[in-house]
Amino acid sequence: MFDLDHTLVPFDTGMAWTQHLIAQGELEAHYADDYLAACQAYVAGTLDILALHRRMVGAIAGHPRPRLDALRATLAEGLQARVPQATRDTVAAHRAAGHACLIVTATTRYVAEAFAPLFGIDTVLATEPAVDAAGRWTGEVEGEPCFRAGKIRHVERWLEARGLSLASAGPSWFYSDSISDLPLLEAVDHPVAVRPDARLAALAAERGWPIRRLDGSDPA
């Protein structure tokens, strides 16, 4: 299992999507600053995951879906060069070993799914945007956000649908950069800190968890 932002990719996919929409004339330039301020408030603990989701999805909720779908199709393609080969190789090694590979991210599914094909990953567990009767985004979240302990519950539901559990599915790995992912990191057999924030780096060092950069600079 892999977190997405700053783990599989060394950037924030929500910001990448916002900048892509600005470049294509779908959003005004100030939305980049608005989104950055929301992210900073989220990290500081003054804005929750639901409010951050509303900022991202609410800004595009009224845009024609076919136009957004066309732009999303070009999003990840234009960012391929920013994904380190070492990250791709790590995912490929798990796939070659026969492991099921999942992206497990707080990012809205609509954005997260655009990046999964870069790694040959078919399964994305993410925060689900709610839609109205006409299929338009409302800006709200459907069900529980895939965030903090919610990530465990998303993973457990996915496993239960296959008659499995974390305990019975065999060895498990989770790669993440953030202390907010501590619940799932503690639930797997092999937690891996990737370019970790300060709190996760300290905890990983204390517990002897591997700390990786996945940019080609890790020891052989």
C-alpha atoms as a PDB file:
ATOM      1  CA  MET A   1       0.000   0.000   0.000  1.00  0.00           C
ATOM      2  CA  PHE A   2       1.232   3.425  -0.940  1.00  0.00           C
ATOM      3  CA  ASP A   3       0.223   6.905   0.092  1.00  0.00           C
ATOM      4  CA  LEU A   4       0.145   9.221  -2.941  1.00  0.00           C
ATOM      5  CA  ASP A   5       1.222  12.814  -2.261  1.00  0.00           C
ATOM      6  CA  HIS A   6       4.912  13.174  -1.340  1.00  0.00           C
ATOM      7  CA  THR A   7       5.228   9.376  -1.304  1.00  0.00           C
ATOM      8  CA  LEU A   8       4.537   7.821  -4.703  1.00  0.00           C
ATOM      9  CA  VAL A   9       4.922  11.272  -6.226  1.00  0.00           C
ATOM     10  CA  PRO A  10       7.206  13.943  -4.736  1.00  0.00           C
ATOM     11  CA  PHE A  11       4.566  16.684  -4.951  1.00  0.00           C
ATOM     12  CA  ASP A  12       0.989  17.502  -3.978  1.00  0.00           C
ATOM     13  CA  THR A  13      -1.381  16.178  -6.634  1.00  0.00           C
ATOM     14  CA  GLY A  14      -4.130  18.593  -5.606  1.00  0.00           C
ATOM     15  CA  MET A  15      -1.838  21.532  -6.301  1.00  0.00           C
ATOM     16  CA  ALA A  16      -0.711  19.940  -9.560  1.00  0.00           C
ATOM     17  CA  TRP A  17      -4.358  19.589 -10.620  1.00  0.00           C
ATOM     18  CA  THR A  18      -5.140  23.176  -9.590  1.00  0.00           C
ATOM     19  CA  GLN A  19      -2.163  24.524 -11.549  1.00  0.00           C
ATOM     20  CA  HIS A  20      -3.145  22.410 -14.553  1.00  0.00           C
ATOM     21  CA  LEU A  21      -6.654  23.870 -14.519  1.00  0.00           C
ATOM     22  CA  ILE A  22      -5.273  27.400 -14.210  1.00  0.00           C
ATOM     23  CA  ALA A  23      -2.916  26.825 -17.145  1.00  0.00           C
ATOM     24  CA  GLN A  24      -5.881  25.622 -19.230  1.00  0.00           C
ATOM     25  CA  GLY A  25      -7.998  28.634 -18.316  1.00  0.00           C
ATOM     26  CA  GLU A  26     -10.491  26.689 -16.186  1.00  0.00           C
ATOM     27  CA  LEU A  27      -9.613  28.464 -12.930  1.00  0.00           C
ATOM     28  CA  GLU A  28      -8.415  31.961 -12.140  1.00  0.00           C
ATOM     29  CA  ALA A  29      -4.779  32.310 -11.081  1.00  0.00           C
ATOM     30  CA  HIS A  30      -5.620  33.129  -7.447  1.00  0.00           C
ATOM     31  CA  TYR A  31      -6.891  29.594  -6.892  1.00  0.00           C
ATOM     32  CA  ALA A  32      -3.303  28.351  -6.586  1.00  0.00           C
ATOM     33  CA  ASP A  33      -2.695  30.671  -3.632  1.00  0.00           C
ATOM     34  CA  ASP A  34      -6.088  29.784  -2.162  1.00  0.00           C
ATOM     35  CA  TYR A  35      -5.338  26.078  -2.362  1.00  0.00           C
ATOM     36  CA  LEU A  36      -1.832  26.528  -0.915  1.00  0.00           C
ATOM     37  CA  ALA A  37      -3.236  28.501   2.011  1.00  0.00           C
ATOM     38  CA  ALA A  38      -5.797  25.741   2.618  1.00  0.00           C
ATOM     39  CA  CYS A  39      -3.048  23.095   2.576  1.00  0.00           C
ATOM     40  CA  GLN A  40      -0.965  25.106   5.036  1.00  0.00           C
ATOM     41  CA  ALA A  41      -3.961  25.459   7.354  1.00  0.00           C
ATOM     42  CA  TYR A  42      -4.619  21.737   7.041  1.00  0.00           C
ATOM     43  CA  VAL A  43      -1.025  20.879   8.009  1.00  0.00           C
ATOM     44  CA  ALA A  44      -1.226  23.364  10.892  1.00  0.00           C
ATOM     45  CA  GLY A  45      -4.382  21.671  12.137  1.00  0.00           C
ATOM     46  CA  THR A  46      -6.683  24.659  11.653  1.00  0.00           C
ATOM     47  CA  LEU A  47      -8.522  23.216   8.631  1.00  0.00           C
ATOM     48  CA  ASP A  48      -9.915  19.675   8.564  1.00  0.00           C
ATOM     49  CA  ILE A  49      -9.859  17.159   5.719  1.00  0.00           C
ATOM     50  CA  LEU A  50     -13.512  17.815   4.837  1.00  0.00           C
ATOM     51  CA  ALA A  51     -12.918  21.537   4.453  1.00  0.00           C
ATOM     52  CA  LEU A  52      -9.818  20.910   2.328  1.00  0.00           C
ATOM     53  CA  HIS A  53     -11.822  18.570   0.106  1.00  0.00           C
ATOM     54  CA  ARG A  54     -14.522  21.228  -0.295  1.00  0.00           C
ATOM     55  CA  ARG A  55     -11.893  23.761  -1.366  1.00  0.00           C
ATOM     56  CA  MET A  56     -10.580  21.445  -4.083  1.00  0.00           C
ATOM     57  CA  VAL A  57     -13.797  19.944  -5.399  1.00  0.00           C
ATOM     58  CA  GLY A  58     -15.990  22.969  -4.778  1.00  0.00           C
ATOM     59  CA  ALA A  59     -13.855  25.103  -7.065  1.00  0.00           C
ATOM     60  CA  ILE A  60     -14.630  22.873 -10.052  1.00  0.00           C
ATOM     61  CA  ALA A  61     -18.058  21.520  -9.110  1.00  0.00           C
ATOM     62  CA  GLY A  62     -19.853  23.663 -11.677  1.00  0.00           C
ATOM     63  CA  HIS A  63     -17.475  22.982 -14.564  1.00  0.00           C
ATOM     64  CA  PRO A  64     -18.584  20.712 -17.430  1.00  0.00           C
ATOM     65  CA  ARG A  65     -17.534  17.168 -16.550  1.00  0.00           C
ATOM     66  CA  PRO A  66     -16.470  16.171 -20.108  1.00  0.00           C
ATOM     67  CA  ARG A  67     -14.066  19.112 -20.214  1.00  0.00           C
ATOM     68  CA  LEU A  68     -12.593  18.202 -16.822  1.00  0.00           C
ATOM     69  CA  ASP A  69     -12.280  14.545 -17.828  1.00  0.00           C
ATOM     70  CA  ALA A  70     -10.318  15.572 -20.923  1.00  0.00           C
ATOM     71  CA  LEU A  71      -7.980  17.726 -18.856  1.00  0.00           C
ATOM     72  CA  ARG A  72      -7.518  15.026 -16.227  1.00  0.00           C
ATOM     73  CA  ALA A  73      -6.441  12.605 -18.964  1.00  0.00           C
ATOM     74  CA  THR A  74      -3.447  14.840 -19.680  1.00  0.00           C
ATOM     75  CA  LEU A  75      -2.598  15.666 -16.054  1.00  0.00           C
ATOM     76  CA  ALA A  76      -0.414  12.730 -15.022  1.00  0.00           C
ATOM     77  CA  GLU A  77       1.101  12.381 -18.491  1.00  0.00           C
ATOM     78  CA  GLY A  78       2.583  15.863 -18.194  1.00  0.00           C
ATOM     79  CA  LEU A  79       4.055  15.072 -14.760  1.00  0.00           C
ATOM     80  CA  GLN A  80       5.672  11.716 -15.543  1.00  0.00           C
ATOM     81  CA  ALA A  81       9.150  13.212 -15.642  1.00  0.00           C
ATOM     82  CA  ARG A  82       8.770  14.350 -12.015  1.00  0.00           C
ATOM     83  CA  VAL A  83       8.217  10.790 -10.746  1.00  0.00           C
ATOM     84  CA  PRO A  84      11.554   9.227  -9.727  1.00  0.00           C
ATOM     85  CA  GLN A  85      12.471   5.940 -11.379  1.00  0.00           C
ATOM     86  CA  ALA A  86      13.288   4.559  -7.932  1.00  0.00           C
ATOM     87  CA  THR A  87       9.638   4.950  -6.962  1.00  0.00           C
ATOM     88  CA  ARG A  88       8.463   3.116 -10.078  1.00  0.00           C
ATOM     89  CA  ASP A  89      11.032   0.383  -9.419  1.00  0.00           C
ATOM     90  CA  THR A  90       9.787  -0.091  -5.851  1.00  0.00           C
ATOM     91  CA  VAL A  91       6.215  -0.600  -7.009  1.00  0.00           C
ATOM     92  CA  ALA A  92       7.397  -2.855  -9.841  1.00  0.00           C
ATOM     93  CA  ALA A  93       9.343  -5.023  -7.384  1.00  0.00           C
ATOM     94  CA  HIS A  94       6.228  -5.577  -5.278  1.00  0.00           C
ATOM     95  CA  ARG A  95       4.171  -6.384  -8.349  1.00  0.00           C
ATOM     96  CA  ALA A  96       6.832  -8.820  -9.567  1.00  0.00           C
ATOM     97  CA  ALA A  97       6.667 -10.553  -6.183  1.00  0.00           C
ATOM     98  CA  GLY A  98       2.948 -11.096  -6.701  1.00  0.00           C
ATOM     99  CA  HIS A  99       1.846  -8.518  -4.140  1.00  0.00           C
ATOM    100  CA  ALA A 100      -1.433  -6.648  -4.576  1.00  0.00           C
ATOM    101  CA  CYS A 101      -0.540  -2.960  -4.850  1.00  0.00           C
ATOM    102  CA  LEU A 102      -2.937  -0.229  -3.749  1.00  0.00           C
ATOM    103  CA  ILE A 103      -2.877   3.536  -3.516  1.00  0.00           C
ATOM    104  CA  VAL A 104      -4.417   4.564  -0.191  1.00  0.00           C
ATOM    105  CA  THR A 105      -4.790   8.335  -0.094  1.00  0.00           C
ATOM    106  CA  ALA A 106      -6.798  11.156   1.444  1.00  0.00           C
ATOM    107  CA  THR A 107      -6.797  12.839  -1.968  1.00  0.00           C
ATOM    108  CA  THR A 108     -10.101  12.885  -3.814  1.00  0.00           C
ATOM    109  CA  ARG A 109     -10.529   9.806  -6.003  1.00  0.00           C
ATOM    110  CA  TYR A 110     -11.025  11.881  -9.139  1.00  0.00           C
ATOM    111  CA  VAL A 111      -7.463  13.215  -8.938  1.00  0.00           C
ATOM    112  CA  ALA A 112      -5.809  10.139  -7.430  1.00  0.00           C
ATOM    113  CA  GLU A 113      -7.024   7.819 -10.179  1.00  0.00           C
ATOM    114  CA  ALA A 114      -5.201   9.888 -12.774  1.00  0.00           C
ATOM    115  CA  PHE A 115      -1.841   8.874 -11.284  1.00  0.00           C
ATOM    116  CA  ALA A 116      -2.412   5.156 -10.668  1.00  0.00           C
ATOM    117  CA  PRO A 117      -1.583   4.129 -14.286  1.00  0.00           C
ATOM    118  CA  LEU A 118       1.915   5.631 -13.925  1.00  0.00           C
ATOM    119  CA  PHE A 119       2.711   2.751 -11.583  1.00  0.00           C
ATOM    120  CA  GLY A 120       0.551   0.001 -13.041  1.00  0.00           C
ATOM    121  CA  ILE A 121      -1.687   0.154  -9.973  1.00  0.00           C
ATOM    122  CA  ASP A 122      -5.327  -0.767 -10.512  1.00  0.00           C
ATOM    123  CA  THR A 123      -6.767  -0.237  -7.032  1.00  0.00           C
ATOM    124  CA  VAL A 124      -7.216   3.230  -5.540  1.00  0.00           C
ATOM    125  CA  LEU A 125      -8.715   3.735  -2.086  1.00  0.00           C
ATOM    126  CA  ALA A 126      -9.400   7.439  -1.726  1.00  0.00           C
ATOM    127  CA  THR A 127     -11.783  10.070  -0.435  1.00  0.00           C
ATOM    128  CA  GLU A 128     -14.989   9.804  -2.441  1.00  0.00           C
ATOM    129  CA  PRO A 129     -16.570  13.019  -3.761  1.00  0.00           C
ATOM    130  CA  ALA A 130     -20.348  13.118  -3.299  1.00  0.00           C
ATOM    131  CA  VAL A 131     -22.553  13.717  -6.331  1.00  0.00           C
ATOM    132  CA  ASP A 132     -26.144  14.903  -6.709  1.00  0.00           C
ATOM    133  CA  ALA A 133     -28.944  13.212  -8.660  1.00  0.00           C
ATOM    134  CA  ALA A 134     -27.597  14.673 -11.900  1.00  0.00           C
ATOM    135  CA  GLY A 135     -24.117  13.283 -11.273  1.00  0.00           C
ATOM    136  CA  ARG A 136     -22.578  16.655 -10.399  1.00  0.00           C
ATOM    137  CA  TRP A 137     -20.152  17.058  -7.515  1.00  0.00           C
ATOM    138  CA  THR A 138     -21.666  18.700  -4.470  1.00  0.00           C
ATOM    139  CA  GLY A 139     -18.339  19.556  -2.842  1.00  0.00           C
ATOM    140  CA  GLU A 140     -19.092  17.152   0.016  1.00  0.00           C
ATOM    141  CA  VAL A 141     -17.637  13.729   0.814  1.00  0.00           C
ATOM    142  CA  GLU A 142     -19.409  10.411   0.345  1.00  0.00           C
ATOM    143  CA  GLY A 143     -18.902   8.268   3.434  1.00  0.00           C
ATOM    144  CA  GLU A 144     -15.737   8.453   5.533  1.00  0.00           C
ATOM    145  CA  PRO A 145     -12.670  10.316   4.235  1.00  0.00           C
ATOM    146  CA  CYS A 146      -9.716   8.035   3.513  1.00  0.00           C
ATOM    147  CA  PHE A 147      -7.679   9.803   6.175  1.00  0.00           C
ATOM    148  CA  ARG A 148      -5.851   8.859   9.385  1.00  0.00           C
ATOM    149  CA  ALA A 149      -7.648   5.896  10.987  1.00  0.00           C
ATOM    150  CA  GLY A 150     -10.149   6.071   8.138  1.00  0.00           C
ATOM    151  CA  LYS A 151      -7.473   4.622   5.882  1.00  0.00           C
ATOM    152  CA  ILE A 152      -7.512   1.406   7.914  1.00  0.00           C
ATOM    153  CA  ARG A 153     -11.272   1.138   7.539  1.00  0.00           C
ATOM    154  CA  HIS A 154     -11.074   1.689   3.775  1.00  0.00           C
ATOM    155  CA  VAL A 155      -8.413  -1.040   3.544  1.00  0.00           C
ATOM    156  CA  GLU A 156     -10.397  -3.402   5.776  1.00  0.00           C
ATOM    157  CA  ARG A 157     -13.541  -2.983   3.666  1.00  0.00           C
ATOM    158  CA  TRP A 158     -11.565  -3.693   0.497  1.00  0.00           C
ATOM    159  CA  LEU A 159     -10.095  -6.831   2.067  1.00  0.00           C
ATOM    160  CA  GLU A 160     -13.407  -8.002   3.525  1.00  0.00           C
ATOM    161  CA  ALA A 161     -14.953  -7.882   0.052  1.00  0.00           C
ATOM    162  CA  ARG A 162     -12.334 -10.474  -0.893  1.00  0.00           C
ATOM    163  CA  GLY A 163     -12.793 -12.630   2.178  1.00  0.00           C
ATOM    164  CA  LEU A 164      -9.573 -11.359   3.752  1.00  0.00           C
ATOM    165  CA  SER A 165      -8.292  -9.211   6.600  1.00  0.00           C
ATOM    166  CA  LEU A 166      -5.010  -7.509   7.361  1.00  0.00           C
ATOM    167  CA  ALA A 167      -4.179 -10.420   9.625  1.00  0.00           C
ATOM    168  CA  SER A 168      -4.974 -13.114   7.049  1.00  0.00           C
ATOM    169  CA  ALA A 169      -3.812 -11.472   3.815  1.00  0.00           C
ATOM    170  CA  GLY A 170      -0.126 -12.220   4.349  1.00  0.00           C
ATOM    171  CA  PRO A 171       2.760  -9.779   4.838  1.00  0.00           C
ATOM    172  CA  SER A 172       1.701  -6.163   4.369  1.00  0.00           C
ATOM    173  CA  TRP A 173       3.596  -2.954   3.622  1.00  0.00           C
ATOM    174  CA  PHE A 174       2.558   0.679   3.786  1.00  0.00           C
ATOM    175  CA  TYR A 175       4.699   3.523   2.450  1.00  0.00           C
ATOM    176  CA  SER A 176       3.963   7.056   3.663  1.00  0.00           C
ATOM    177  CA  ASP A 177       5.547  10.442   4.273  1.00  0.00           C
ATOM    178  CA  SER A 178       3.187  11.678   6.976  1.00  0.00           C
ATOM    179  CA  ILE A 179       2.630  11.229  10.692  1.00  0.00           C
ATOM    180  CA  SER A 180      -1.106  11.483   9.935  1.00  0.00           C
ATOM    181  CA  ASP A 181      -0.796   7.981   8.470  1.00  0.00           C
ATOM    182  CA  LEU A 182       0.464   6.521  11.740  1.00  0.00           C
ATOM    183  CA  PRO A 183      -2.652   4.342  12.316  1.00  0.00           C
ATOM    184  CA  LEU A 184      -2.127   2.386   9.084  1.00  0.00           C
ATOM    185  CA  LEU A 185       1.654   2.378   9.457  1.00  0.00           C
ATOM    186  CA  GLU A 186       1.222   0.716  12.859  1.00  0.00           C
ATOM    187  CA  ALA A 187      -1.322  -1.764  11.472  1.00  0.00           C
ATOM    188  CA  VAL A 188       0.908  -3.300   8.770  1.00  0.00           C
ATOM    189  CA  ASP A 189       3.793  -5.737   9.074  1.00  0.00           C
ATOM    190  CA  HIS A 190       6.284  -3.495   7.291  1.00  0.00           C
ATOM    191  CA  PRO A 191       5.856   0.268   7.732  1.00  0.00           C
ATOM    192  CA  VAL A 192       8.135   2.369   5.507  1.00  0.00           C
ATOM    193  CA  ALA A 193       8.686   6.117   5.944  1.00  0.00           C
ATOM    194  CA  VAL A 194       9.264   7.898   2.621  1.00  0.00           C
ATOM    195  CA  ARG A 195      10.723  11.405   2.705  1.00  0.00           C
ATOM    196  CA  PRO A 196       9.037  11.654   6.125  1.00  0.00           C
ATOM    197  CA  ASP A 197       7.923  14.793   7.896  1.00  0.00           C
ATOM    198  CA  ALA A 198       9.856  15.636  11.066  1.00  0.00           C
ATOM    199  CA  ARG A 199       7.529  13.788  13.464  1.00  0.00           C
ATOM    200  CA  LEU A 200       7.393  10.636  11.360  1.00  0.00           C
ATOM    201  CA  ALA A 201      11.161  10.711  10.790  1.00  0.00           C
ATOM    202  CA  ALA A 202      11.786  10.830  14.539  1.00  0.00           C
ATOM    203  CA  LEU A 203       9.308   8.036  15.228  1.00  0.00           C
ATOM    204  CA  ALA A 204      10.665   5.848  12.420  1.00  0.00           C
ATOM    205  CA  ALA A 205      14.201   6.264  13.731  1.00  0.00           C
ATOM    206  CA  GLU A 206      13.048   5.417  17.258  1.00  0.00           C
ATOM    207  CA  ARG A 207      11.220   2.273  16.126  1.00  0.00           C
ATOM    208  CA  GLY A 208      13.750   1.142  13.548  1.00  0.00           C
ATOM    209  CA  TRP A 209      11.401   1.532  10.581  1.00  0.00           C
ATOM    210  CA  PRO A 210      13.065   1.897   7.177  1.00  0.00           C
ATOM    211  CA  ILE A 211      13.391   5.486   5.987  1.00  0.00           C
ATOM    212  CA  ARG A 212      13.512   5.833   2.211  1.00  0.00           C
ATOM    213  CA  ARG A 213      13.749   8.706  -0.231  1.00  0.00           C
ATOM    214  CA  LEU A 214      12.797   6.689  -3.322  1.00  0.00           C
ATOM    215  CA  ASP A 215      14.660   9.151  -5.516  1.00  0.00           C
ATOM    216  CA  GLY A 216      17.685   7.015  -6.338  1.00  0.00           C
ATOM    217  CA  SER A 217      19.733   8.166  -3.346  1.00  0.00           C
ATOM    218  CA  ASP A 218      18.838   5.295  -0.992  1.00  0.00           C
ATOM    219  CA  PRO A 219      21.699   2.945  -0.117  1.00  0.00           C
ATOM    220  CA  ALA A 220      21.891  -0.080  -2.417  1.00  0.00           C
END
